Amino acid sequence: MPAQAFPRRAKKYPELKNLPKAPSVRSLKYKNVLPGTAENIIFTPGSAFGANRKHFLDPDHPALQLSPKGFPAFRSPLFTMRAYPFALLRPYSNTASYPFPSSNRHYSPRAVFKDKATQVPVGLVCIVGKKNVHNSAFIRSRIKSRMKEALRLVVARGANVDDEGKVMICDGEVGESRWLLRAND
C-alpha cells in the first residue's frame, strides 16, 4: 500500500499530560441529551427549511424565519461546525421503529439539564463521510472522538492555541455560559 493511504501520526502535546483537576465543569454529556431528532436540520433543503412549522419542537421560535445559512458556523479547511437551537429539532415520533428508542427519550427537555453540576449537556451530531475523510470506519470514529475531546478541552478547561501552536489552558474562562448563543436585545 502507498504510504499516503495511512493518516499522519498525531502531534504530541506535553502540556496536556499533567493537568490538575478542573475547577467546575469536568465533562460533556453527549448521549440522551437532545429533546428531539436533528432530521429537520440535516435532511431539509434550505428553501423548505421553515415551511412546515408543525415539524419543529417550538413552531413559534424566531429562528424559523432565518435560512439554515444564517446560523452561527465555524468553517476551516478540515471541518465545519454549526450551532442550532433545540427549538429547531423534530419531536420524537411515537411509533416504534428499529432501532428502538431508549426510555430516556420520554423525558421533557428540562429533564436533560438535571444532571451532575460537573457535566454540560451538548447535543452534537457528527457527520463524517467516507468521501471527504477516510474509507476506514475505525479512522472516522477516532476522528469523531478526537473532535469531542477537543470540544471538551475548550468548554471545560478554556483551551486555546497561541501563535506558535501550543495549547494554553485558561481555567478562568470555563463553563457553558461562555458558549450560549443569546439574541441581541
N, C-alpha and C. Protein backbone atom coordinates (compact mmCIF):
# COMPACT_ATOMS: atom_id res chain seq x y z
N MET A 1 0.83 -1.19 0.00
CA MET A 1 0.00 0.00 0.00
C MET A 1 0.87 1.24 0.00
N PRO A 2 0.45 2.27 -0.70
CA PRO A 2 1.24 3.51 -0.67
C PRO A 2 1.19 4.15 0.72
N ALA A 3 2.26 4.86 1.04
CA ALA A 3 2.36 5.47 2.37
C ALA A 3 1.31 6.54 2.60
N GLN A 4 0.83 7.19 1.55
CA GLN A 4 -0.14 8.27 1.73
C GLN A 4 -1.54 7.77 2.05
N ALA A 5 -1.78 6.45 1.97
CA ALA A 5 -3.10 5.92 2.31
C ALA A 5 -3.33 5.92 3.81
N PHE A 6 -2.26 6.00 4.61
CA PHE A 6 -2.39 5.99 6.05
C PHE A 6 -2.36 7.41 6.59
N PRO A 7 -3.09 7.68 7.64
CA PRO A 7 -3.09 9.04 8.19
C PRO A 7 -1.75 9.37 8.85
N ARG A 8 -1.47 10.65 8.94
CA ARG A 8 -0.25 11.11 9.61
C ARG A 8 -0.36 10.85 11.10
N ARG A 9 0.79 10.69 11.72
CA ARG A 9 0.83 10.49 13.17
C ARG A 9 0.43 11.80 13.86
N ALA A 10 -0.36 11.69 14.90
CA ALA A 10 -0.86 12.87 15.61
C ALA A 10 0.27 13.55 16.37
N LYS A 11 0.15 14.87 16.53
CA LYS A 11 1.12 15.63 17.31
C LYS A 11 0.97 15.28 18.78
N LYS A 12 2.07 15.36 19.50
CA LYS A 12 2.05 15.17 20.94
C LYS A 12 2.02 16.54 21.62
N TYR A 13 1.20 16.66 22.64
CA TYR A 13 1.08 17.91 23.39
C TYR A 13 1.46 17.64 24.84
N PRO A 14 2.73 17.86 25.22
CA PRO A 14 3.15 17.54 26.59
C PRO A 14 2.45 18.40 27.64
N GLU A 15 1.98 19.59 27.26
CA GLU A 15 1.33 20.46 28.25
C GLU A 15 -0.02 19.91 28.71
N LEU A 16 -0.56 18.91 28.01
CA LEU A 16 -1.85 18.34 28.39
C LEU A 16 -1.71 17.08 29.24
N LYS A 17 -0.48 16.62 29.48
CA LYS A 17 -0.29 15.35 30.18
C LYS A 17 -0.63 15.42 31.66
N ASN A 18 -0.21 16.45 32.35
CA ASN A 18 -0.37 16.52 33.81
C ASN A 18 -1.21 17.71 34.22
N LEU A 19 -2.42 17.77 33.73
CA LEU A 19 -3.31 18.87 34.10
C LEU A 19 -3.92 18.62 35.48
N PRO A 20 -4.09 19.65 36.30
CA PRO A 20 -4.81 19.46 37.57
C PRO A 20 -6.30 19.26 37.30
N LYS A 21 -7.02 18.87 38.35
CA LYS A 21 -8.46 18.66 38.19
C LYS A 21 -9.14 19.96 37.78
N ALA A 22 -10.16 19.83 36.96
CA ALA A 22 -10.91 21.00 36.51
C ALA A 22 -11.69 21.59 37.69
N PRO A 23 -11.80 22.92 37.77
CA PRO A 23 -12.47 23.53 38.92
C PRO A 23 -13.98 23.28 38.98
N SER A 24 -14.68 23.36 37.87
CA SER A 24 -16.14 23.20 37.93
C SER A 24 -16.61 22.17 36.91
N VAL A 25 -16.60 22.51 35.66
CA VAL A 25 -17.06 21.60 34.61
C VAL A 25 -15.95 20.63 34.29
N ARG A 26 -16.28 19.33 34.29
CA ARG A 26 -15.25 18.33 34.02
C ARG A 26 -15.51 17.55 32.75
N SER A 27 -16.76 17.44 32.34
CA SER A 27 -17.03 16.63 31.16
C SER A 27 -18.24 17.16 30.41
N LEU A 28 -18.40 16.65 29.21
CA LEU A 28 -19.56 16.97 28.39
C LEU A 28 -20.39 15.70 28.24
N LYS A 29 -21.70 15.86 28.26
CA LYS A 29 -22.60 14.72 28.11
C LYS A 29 -23.20 14.78 26.72
N TYR A 30 -23.00 13.74 25.92
CA TYR A 30 -23.47 13.71 24.54
C TYR A 30 -24.70 12.82 24.36
N LYS A 31 -24.84 11.77 25.16
CA LYS A 31 -25.90 10.78 24.92
C LYS A 31 -27.19 11.17 25.64
N ASN A 32 -28.31 10.93 24.97
CA ASN A 32 -29.65 11.19 25.51
C ASN A 32 -29.80 12.63 25.99
N VAL A 33 -29.31 13.56 25.21
CA VAL A 33 -29.35 14.97 25.56
C VAL A 33 -30.39 15.71 24.73
N LEU A 34 -30.47 15.40 23.46
CA LEU A 34 -31.38 16.13 22.57
C LEU A 34 -32.83 15.80 22.87
N PRO A 35 -33.70 16.80 22.98
CA PRO A 35 -35.12 16.55 23.22
C PRO A 35 -35.86 16.14 21.94
N GLY A 36 -35.18 16.05 20.85
CA GLY A 36 -35.78 15.66 19.57
C GLY A 36 -34.70 15.14 18.65
N THR A 37 -35.06 14.92 17.39
CA THR A 37 -34.11 14.43 16.41
C THR A 37 -33.71 15.56 15.46
N ALA A 38 -32.53 15.47 14.91
CA ALA A 38 -31.99 16.54 14.06
C ALA A 38 -32.32 16.35 12.59
N GLU A 39 -33.32 15.54 12.27
CA GLU A 39 -33.68 15.30 10.86
C GLU A 39 -34.04 16.58 10.13
N ASN A 40 -34.77 17.47 10.80
CA ASN A 40 -35.18 18.73 10.16
C ASN A 40 -33.99 19.53 9.67
N ILE A 41 -32.95 19.56 10.45
CA ILE A 41 -31.80 20.40 10.13
C ILE A 41 -30.91 19.74 9.09
N ILE A 42 -30.72 18.44 9.20
CA ILE A 42 -29.77 17.75 8.34
C ILE A 42 -30.34 17.47 6.95
N PHE A 43 -31.58 16.99 6.89
CA PHE A 43 -32.10 16.48 5.62
C PHE A 43 -33.07 17.40 4.90
N THR A 44 -33.32 18.60 5.41
CA THR A 44 -34.26 19.50 4.75
C THR A 44 -33.49 20.46 3.86
N PRO A 45 -33.89 20.61 2.59
CA PRO A 45 -33.22 21.60 1.75
C PRO A 45 -33.47 23.01 2.27
N GLY A 46 -32.55 23.92 1.98
CA GLY A 46 -32.62 25.28 2.52
C GLY A 46 -33.88 26.02 2.16
N SER A 47 -34.44 25.78 0.97
CA SER A 47 -35.63 26.51 0.55
C SER A 47 -36.87 26.09 1.32
N ALA A 48 -36.91 24.84 1.83
CA ALA A 48 -38.09 24.34 2.55
C ALA A 48 -37.84 24.26 4.05
N PHE A 49 -36.89 25.01 4.57
CA PHE A 49 -36.47 24.85 5.97
C PHE A 49 -37.59 25.14 6.95
N GLY A 50 -38.22 26.30 6.91
CA GLY A 50 -39.27 26.64 7.87
C GLY A 50 -40.66 26.52 7.31
N ALA A 51 -40.83 25.78 6.20
CA ALA A 51 -42.11 25.73 5.50
C ALA A 51 -43.20 25.06 6.35
N ASN A 52 -42.92 23.91 6.92
CA ASN A 52 -43.92 23.18 7.69
C ASN A 52 -43.56 23.28 9.17
N ARG A 53 -44.15 24.25 9.86
CA ARG A 53 -43.76 24.56 11.23
C ARG A 53 -44.18 23.49 12.24
N LYS A 54 -45.11 22.61 11.90
CA LYS A 54 -45.55 21.62 12.88
C LYS A 54 -44.49 20.54 13.13
N HIS A 55 -43.45 20.51 12.29
CA HIS A 55 -42.40 19.52 12.46
C HIS A 55 -41.29 19.97 13.40
N PHE A 56 -41.46 21.08 14.10
CA PHE A 56 -40.43 21.60 14.99
C PHE A 56 -40.91 21.54 16.43
N LEU A 57 -39.97 21.45 17.38
CA LEU A 57 -40.35 21.44 18.80
C LEU A 57 -41.05 22.72 19.22
N ASP A 58 -40.58 23.85 18.73
CA ASP A 58 -41.19 25.14 19.03
C ASP A 58 -41.54 25.83 17.71
N PRO A 59 -42.80 25.68 17.23
CA PRO A 59 -43.17 26.24 15.93
C PRO A 59 -43.16 27.76 15.89
N ASP A 60 -43.13 28.43 17.04
CA ASP A 60 -43.14 29.89 17.07
C ASP A 60 -41.76 30.49 17.31
N HIS A 61 -40.74 29.69 17.25
CA HIS A 61 -39.38 30.18 17.53
C HIS A 61 -38.94 31.15 16.44
N PRO A 62 -38.34 32.28 16.81
CA PRO A 62 -37.92 33.27 15.79
C PRO A 62 -36.83 32.76 14.85
N ALA A 63 -36.13 31.70 15.22
CA ALA A 63 -35.08 31.18 14.35
C ALA A 63 -35.64 30.54 13.08
N LEU A 64 -36.93 30.22 13.08
CA LEU A 64 -37.53 29.64 11.88
C LEU A 64 -37.62 30.64 10.74
N GLN A 65 -37.46 31.91 11.03
CA GLN A 65 -37.50 32.92 9.97
C GLN A 65 -36.16 33.04 9.25
N LEU A 66 -35.10 32.45 9.82
CA LEU A 66 -33.78 32.50 9.21
C LEU A 66 -33.60 31.34 8.24
N SER A 67 -32.68 31.49 7.32
CA SER A 67 -32.31 30.37 6.47
C SER A 67 -31.26 29.55 7.22
N PRO A 68 -31.04 28.29 6.84
CA PRO A 68 -30.03 27.49 7.55
C PRO A 68 -28.64 28.11 7.50
N LYS A 69 -28.35 28.91 6.50
CA LYS A 69 -27.03 29.55 6.42
C LYS A 69 -26.91 30.74 7.35
N GLY A 70 -28.01 31.18 7.97
CA GLY A 70 -27.98 32.33 8.85
C GLY A 70 -27.56 32.02 10.28
N PHE A 71 -27.35 30.76 10.61
CA PHE A 71 -26.97 30.37 11.96
C PHE A 71 -25.45 30.44 12.11
N PRO A 72 -24.97 30.60 13.35
CA PRO A 72 -23.53 30.69 13.55
C PRO A 72 -22.82 29.42 13.10
N ALA A 73 -21.67 29.60 12.47
CA ALA A 73 -20.90 28.46 11.98
C ALA A 73 -19.42 28.77 12.05
N PHE A 74 -18.64 27.73 12.27
CA PHE A 74 -17.19 27.83 12.20
C PHE A 74 -16.74 26.98 11.03
N ARG A 75 -15.98 27.55 10.15
CA ARG A 75 -15.51 26.82 8.97
C ARG A 75 -13.99 26.82 8.94
N SER A 76 -13.43 25.68 8.62
CA SER A 76 -12.00 25.55 8.38
C SER A 76 -11.84 24.61 7.20
N PRO A 77 -10.64 24.48 6.66
CA PRO A 77 -10.47 23.55 5.54
C PRO A 77 -10.75 22.10 5.93
N LEU A 78 -10.68 21.78 7.23
CA LEU A 78 -10.84 20.40 7.66
C LEU A 78 -12.26 20.04 8.08
N PHE A 79 -13.01 20.98 8.64
CA PHE A 79 -14.37 20.67 9.08
C PHE A 79 -15.19 21.94 9.19
N THR A 80 -16.51 21.75 9.31
CA THR A 80 -17.45 22.84 9.54
C THR A 80 -18.30 22.47 10.74
N MET A 81 -18.48 23.42 11.66
CA MET A 81 -19.32 23.18 12.83
C MET A 81 -20.39 24.26 12.88
N ARG A 82 -21.66 23.84 12.99
CA ARG A 82 -22.77 24.78 13.03
C ARG A 82 -23.51 24.63 14.36
N ALA A 83 -24.16 25.72 14.78
CA ALA A 83 -24.93 25.72 16.03
C ALA A 83 -26.38 26.05 15.72
N TYR A 84 -27.30 25.23 16.24
CA TYR A 84 -28.73 25.43 16.05
C TYR A 84 -29.41 25.34 17.41
N PRO A 85 -30.50 26.08 17.63
CA PRO A 85 -31.23 25.96 18.90
C PRO A 85 -32.04 24.66 18.96
N PHE A 86 -32.30 24.19 20.18
CA PHE A 86 -33.09 22.97 20.37
C PHE A 86 -34.48 23.10 19.77
N ALA A 87 -35.01 24.30 19.66
CA ALA A 87 -36.37 24.50 19.16
C ALA A 87 -36.52 24.04 17.72
N LEU A 88 -35.42 23.93 16.98
CA LEU A 88 -35.50 23.52 15.58
C LEU A 88 -35.44 22.01 15.38
N LEU A 89 -35.38 21.26 16.47
CA LEU A 89 -35.37 19.81 16.35
C LEU A 89 -36.78 19.29 16.10
N ARG A 90 -36.87 18.11 15.53
CA ARG A 90 -38.17 17.46 15.29
C ARG A 90 -38.50 16.59 16.50
N PRO A 91 -39.75 16.65 16.99
CA PRO A 91 -40.10 15.80 18.13
C PRO A 91 -39.96 14.32 17.76
N TYR A 92 -39.63 13.50 18.75
CA TYR A 92 -39.54 12.07 18.51
C TYR A 92 -40.92 11.54 18.17
N SER A 93 -40.97 10.63 17.22
CA SER A 93 -42.26 10.04 16.85
C SER A 93 -42.64 8.98 17.89
N ASN A 94 -43.93 8.73 18.02
CA ASN A 94 -44.41 7.74 18.98
C ASN A 94 -44.41 6.34 18.41
N THR A 95 -44.20 6.22 17.12
CA THR A 95 -44.21 4.90 16.51
C THR A 95 -42.89 4.20 16.78
N ALA A 96 -42.97 2.89 17.00
CA ALA A 96 -41.76 2.11 17.25
C ALA A 96 -41.06 1.85 15.93
N SER A 97 -39.79 2.06 15.92
CA SER A 97 -39.00 1.78 14.73
C SER A 97 -37.69 1.17 15.17
N TYR A 98 -37.04 0.51 14.27
CA TYR A 98 -35.75 -0.09 14.60
C TYR A 98 -34.66 0.89 14.26
N PRO A 99 -33.68 1.17 15.08
CA PRO A 99 -33.52 0.66 16.43
C PRO A 99 -34.50 1.32 17.38
N PHE A 100 -34.94 0.56 18.37
CA PHE A 100 -35.96 1.05 19.28
C PHE A 100 -35.42 2.20 20.12
N PRO A 101 -36.20 3.27 20.30
CA PRO A 101 -35.72 4.40 21.11
C PRO A 101 -35.57 4.01 22.57
N SER A 102 -34.62 4.61 23.24
CA SER A 102 -34.41 4.30 24.65
C SER A 102 -35.49 4.97 25.49
N SER A 103 -35.61 4.52 26.74
CA SER A 103 -36.65 5.07 27.61
C SER A 103 -36.34 6.51 28.01
N ASN A 104 -35.09 6.97 27.88
CA ASN A 104 -34.72 8.33 28.26
C ASN A 104 -35.35 9.37 27.35
N ARG A 105 -35.82 8.99 26.20
CA ARG A 105 -36.34 9.96 25.25
C ARG A 105 -37.75 10.42 25.61
N HIS A 106 -38.34 9.87 26.64
CA HIS A 106 -39.69 10.27 27.02
C HIS A 106 -39.68 11.42 28.02
N TYR A 107 -38.51 11.85 28.44
CA TYR A 107 -38.41 12.95 29.40
C TYR A 107 -38.62 14.28 28.69
N SER A 108 -39.04 15.25 29.45
CA SER A 108 -39.20 16.59 28.89
C SER A 108 -37.82 17.20 28.67
N PRO A 109 -37.73 18.24 27.83
CA PRO A 109 -36.42 18.86 27.60
C PRO A 109 -35.77 19.40 28.87
N ARG A 110 -36.57 19.79 29.88
CA ARG A 110 -35.98 20.31 31.11
C ARG A 110 -35.29 19.21 31.91
N ALA A 111 -35.74 17.96 31.73
CA ALA A 111 -35.11 16.86 32.46
C ALA A 111 -33.68 16.62 32.01
N VAL A 112 -33.35 17.09 30.83
CA VAL A 112 -32.00 16.93 30.31
C VAL A 112 -30.99 17.64 31.19
N PHE A 113 -31.36 18.79 31.75
CA PHE A 113 -30.42 19.62 32.48
C PHE A 113 -30.37 19.31 33.97
N LYS A 114 -30.98 18.21 34.41
CA LYS A 114 -30.97 17.85 35.83
C LYS A 114 -29.85 16.86 36.13
N ASP A 115 -28.73 16.98 35.46
CA ASP A 115 -27.61 16.07 35.66
C ASP A 115 -26.63 16.65 36.67
N LYS A 116 -25.49 16.03 36.76
CA LYS A 116 -24.45 16.50 37.67
C LYS A 116 -24.03 17.92 37.33
N ALA A 117 -23.58 18.63 38.32
CA ALA A 117 -23.13 20.01 38.09
C ALA A 117 -21.81 20.04 37.34
N THR A 118 -21.10 18.91 37.30
CA THR A 118 -19.81 18.89 36.62
C THR A 118 -19.93 18.52 35.14
N GLN A 119 -21.14 18.23 34.67
CA GLN A 119 -21.35 17.87 33.27
C GLN A 119 -22.13 18.96 32.55
N VAL A 120 -21.79 19.17 31.29
CA VAL A 120 -22.51 20.11 30.44
C VAL A 120 -23.17 19.30 29.33
N PRO A 121 -24.50 19.38 29.18
CA PRO A 121 -25.14 18.64 28.09
C PRO A 121 -24.86 19.32 26.75
N VAL A 122 -24.42 18.54 25.78
CA VAL A 122 -24.10 19.04 24.44
C VAL A 122 -24.78 18.15 23.43
N GLY A 123 -25.64 18.72 22.62
CA GLY A 123 -26.27 17.97 21.54
C GLY A 123 -25.38 18.06 20.31
N LEU A 124 -24.65 17.01 20.02
CA LEU A 124 -23.69 17.02 18.93
C LEU A 124 -24.04 15.93 17.94
N VAL A 125 -24.17 16.29 16.68
CA VAL A 125 -24.39 15.34 15.61
C VAL A 125 -23.18 15.43 14.70
N CYS A 126 -22.41 14.35 14.62
CA CYS A 126 -21.21 14.32 13.77
C CYS A 126 -21.53 13.55 12.50
N ILE A 127 -21.29 14.18 11.38
CA ILE A 127 -21.44 13.51 10.09
C ILE A 127 -20.05 13.47 9.48
N VAL A 128 -19.47 12.29 9.46
CA VAL A 128 -18.12 12.10 8.94
C VAL A 128 -18.23 11.14 7.77
N GLY A 129 -18.09 11.65 6.56
CA GLY A 129 -18.29 10.84 5.37
C GLY A 129 -17.04 10.14 4.88
N LYS A 130 -17.25 9.05 4.16
CA LYS A 130 -16.13 8.30 3.59
C LYS A 130 -15.40 9.11 2.54
N LYS A 131 -16.15 9.82 1.72
CA LYS A 131 -15.55 10.51 0.59
C LYS A 131 -14.59 11.61 1.04
N ASN A 132 -14.98 12.39 2.03
CA ASN A 132 -14.16 13.52 2.45
C ASN A 132 -13.12 13.18 3.50
N VAL A 133 -13.31 12.09 4.25
CA VAL A 133 -12.41 11.82 5.37
C VAL A 133 -11.54 10.60 5.10
N HIS A 134 -12.12 9.41 5.22
CA HIS A 134 -11.35 8.18 5.00
C HIS A 134 -12.33 7.04 4.83
N ASN A 135 -11.89 6.00 4.16
CA ASN A 135 -12.74 4.85 3.91
C ASN A 135 -12.91 3.97 5.15
N SER A 136 -11.95 3.99 6.04
CA SER A 136 -11.96 3.13 7.22
C SER A 136 -12.90 3.69 8.30
N ALA A 137 -13.81 2.84 8.78
CA ALA A 137 -14.73 3.26 9.85
C ALA A 137 -13.97 3.51 11.15
N PHE A 138 -12.90 2.78 11.39
CA PHE A 138 -12.10 2.98 12.60
C PHE A 138 -11.50 4.39 12.61
N ILE A 139 -10.95 4.82 11.51
CA ILE A 139 -10.33 6.14 11.44
C ILE A 139 -11.39 7.22 11.58
N ARG A 140 -12.55 7.03 10.98
CA ARG A 140 -13.62 8.02 11.11
C ARG A 140 -14.10 8.12 12.55
N SER A 141 -14.21 7.00 13.26
CA SER A 141 -14.64 7.05 14.66
C SER A 141 -13.57 7.68 15.55
N ARG A 142 -12.30 7.46 15.25
CA ARG A 142 -11.23 8.12 16.01
C ARG A 142 -11.26 9.63 15.81
N ILE A 143 -11.55 10.06 14.59
CA ILE A 143 -11.64 11.50 14.32
C ILE A 143 -12.79 12.09 15.12
N LYS A 144 -13.94 11.39 15.16
CA LYS A 144 -15.08 11.89 15.95
C LYS A 144 -14.72 11.99 17.43
N SER A 145 -14.05 10.98 17.96
CA SER A 145 -13.71 11.02 19.39
C SER A 145 -12.69 12.12 19.68
N ARG A 146 -11.78 12.39 18.77
CA ARG A 146 -10.82 13.48 18.98
C ARG A 146 -11.50 14.84 18.88
N MET A 147 -12.48 14.96 18.01
CA MET A 147 -13.24 16.22 17.94
C MET A 147 -13.99 16.45 19.25
N LYS A 148 -14.59 15.40 19.80
CA LYS A 148 -15.31 15.53 21.07
C LYS A 148 -14.36 15.91 22.20
N GLU A 149 -13.17 15.32 22.21
CA GLU A 149 -12.20 15.65 23.26
C GLU A 149 -11.71 17.08 23.11
N ALA A 150 -11.51 17.55 21.89
CA ALA A 150 -11.10 18.94 21.68
C ALA A 150 -12.19 19.89 22.15
N LEU A 151 -13.45 19.56 21.86
CA LEU A 151 -14.57 20.38 22.32
C LEU A 151 -14.64 20.39 23.85
N ARG A 152 -14.37 19.25 24.48
CA ARG A 152 -14.36 19.18 25.94
C ARG A 152 -13.26 20.07 26.52
N LEU A 153 -12.08 20.06 25.90
CA LEU A 153 -11.00 20.91 26.39
C LEU A 153 -11.35 22.39 26.28
N VAL A 154 -12.04 22.76 25.22
CA VAL A 154 -12.40 24.17 25.04
C VAL A 154 -13.45 24.59 26.06
N VAL A 155 -14.49 23.77 26.26
CA VAL A 155 -15.58 24.15 27.16
C VAL A 155 -15.18 23.96 28.63
N ALA A 156 -14.57 22.83 28.97
CA ALA A 156 -14.30 22.52 30.38
C ALA A 156 -13.01 23.14 30.90
N ARG A 157 -12.03 23.37 30.04
CA ARG A 157 -10.74 23.87 30.51
C ARG A 157 -10.37 25.22 29.92
N GLY A 158 -11.19 25.79 29.04
CA GLY A 158 -10.87 27.08 28.44
C GLY A 158 -9.67 27.02 27.53
N ALA A 159 -9.49 25.90 26.83
CA ALA A 159 -8.31 25.71 25.99
C ALA A 159 -8.32 26.67 24.81
N ASN A 160 -7.13 27.08 24.44
CA ASN A 160 -6.94 27.96 23.29
C ASN A 160 -5.56 27.66 22.72
N VAL A 161 -5.27 28.15 21.53
CA VAL A 161 -3.98 27.91 20.90
C VAL A 161 -3.30 29.25 20.69
N ASP A 162 -2.01 29.33 21.05
CA ASP A 162 -1.28 30.57 20.83
C ASP A 162 -0.73 30.62 19.40
N ASP A 163 0.05 31.65 19.09
CA ASP A 163 0.56 31.84 17.74
C ASP A 163 1.53 30.75 17.31
N GLU A 164 2.21 30.12 18.26
CA GLU A 164 3.18 29.08 17.93
C GLU A 164 2.54 27.70 17.81
N GLY A 165 1.25 27.58 18.09
CA GLY A 165 0.56 26.29 18.01
C GLY A 165 0.55 25.52 19.31
N LYS A 166 0.96 26.14 20.41
CA LYS A 166 0.92 25.46 21.71
C LYS A 166 -0.43 25.68 22.36
N VAL A 167 -0.90 24.66 23.07
CA VAL A 167 -2.20 24.71 23.74
C VAL A 167 -2.05 25.45 25.06
N MET A 168 -2.92 26.44 25.28
CA MET A 168 -2.95 27.19 26.54
C MET A 168 -4.25 26.86 27.26
N ILE A 169 -4.16 26.60 28.56
CA ILE A 169 -5.33 26.30 29.38
C ILE A 169 -5.64 27.51 30.25
N CYS A 170 -6.86 28.04 30.14
CA CYS A 170 -7.30 29.20 30.92
C CYS A 170 -8.51 28.76 31.74
N ASP A 171 -8.27 28.33 32.99
CA ASP A 171 -9.38 27.83 33.82
C ASP A 171 -10.36 28.93 34.21
N GLY A 172 -10.01 30.19 34.04
CA GLY A 172 -10.93 31.28 34.35
C GLY A 172 -12.02 31.45 33.30
N GLU A 173 -11.80 30.93 32.10
CA GLU A 173 -12.76 31.06 31.01
C GLU A 173 -13.48 29.74 30.78
N VAL A 174 -14.07 29.20 31.84
CA VAL A 174 -14.66 27.87 31.79
C VAL A 174 -16.17 27.97 31.95
N GLY A 175 -16.88 27.02 31.36
CA GLY A 175 -18.32 26.90 31.60
C GLY A 175 -19.14 27.10 30.36
N GLU A 176 -20.36 26.59 30.45
CA GLU A 176 -21.25 26.65 29.30
C GLU A 176 -21.81 28.04 29.07
N SER A 177 -21.82 28.90 30.08
CA SER A 177 -22.39 30.24 29.90
C SER A 177 -21.58 31.05 28.88
N ARG A 178 -20.32 30.71 28.73
CA ARG A 178 -19.48 31.40 27.74
C ARG A 178 -19.87 31.01 26.32
N TRP A 179 -20.49 29.84 26.15
CA TRP A 179 -20.77 29.31 24.82
C TRP A 179 -22.23 29.39 24.43
N LEU A 180 -23.09 29.93 25.29
CA LEU A 180 -24.51 30.04 24.97
C LEU A 180 -24.73 31.13 23.92
N LEU A 181 -25.62 30.85 22.99
CA LEU A 181 -25.97 31.84 21.98
C LEU A 181 -27.13 32.66 22.51
N ARG A 182 -26.98 33.96 22.52
CA ARG A 182 -28.03 34.84 23.01
C ARG A 182 -28.42 35.81 21.91
N ALA A 183 -29.71 36.10 21.84
CA ALA A 183 -30.18 37.09 20.87
C ALA A 183 -29.82 38.48 21.36
N ASN A 184 -29.45 39.34 20.45
CA ASN A 184 -29.14 40.73 20.82
C ASN A 184 -30.43 41.47 21.11
N ASP A 185 -30.50 42.10 22.27
CA ASP A 185 -31.71 42.84 22.64
C ASP A 185 -31.60 44.29 22.24
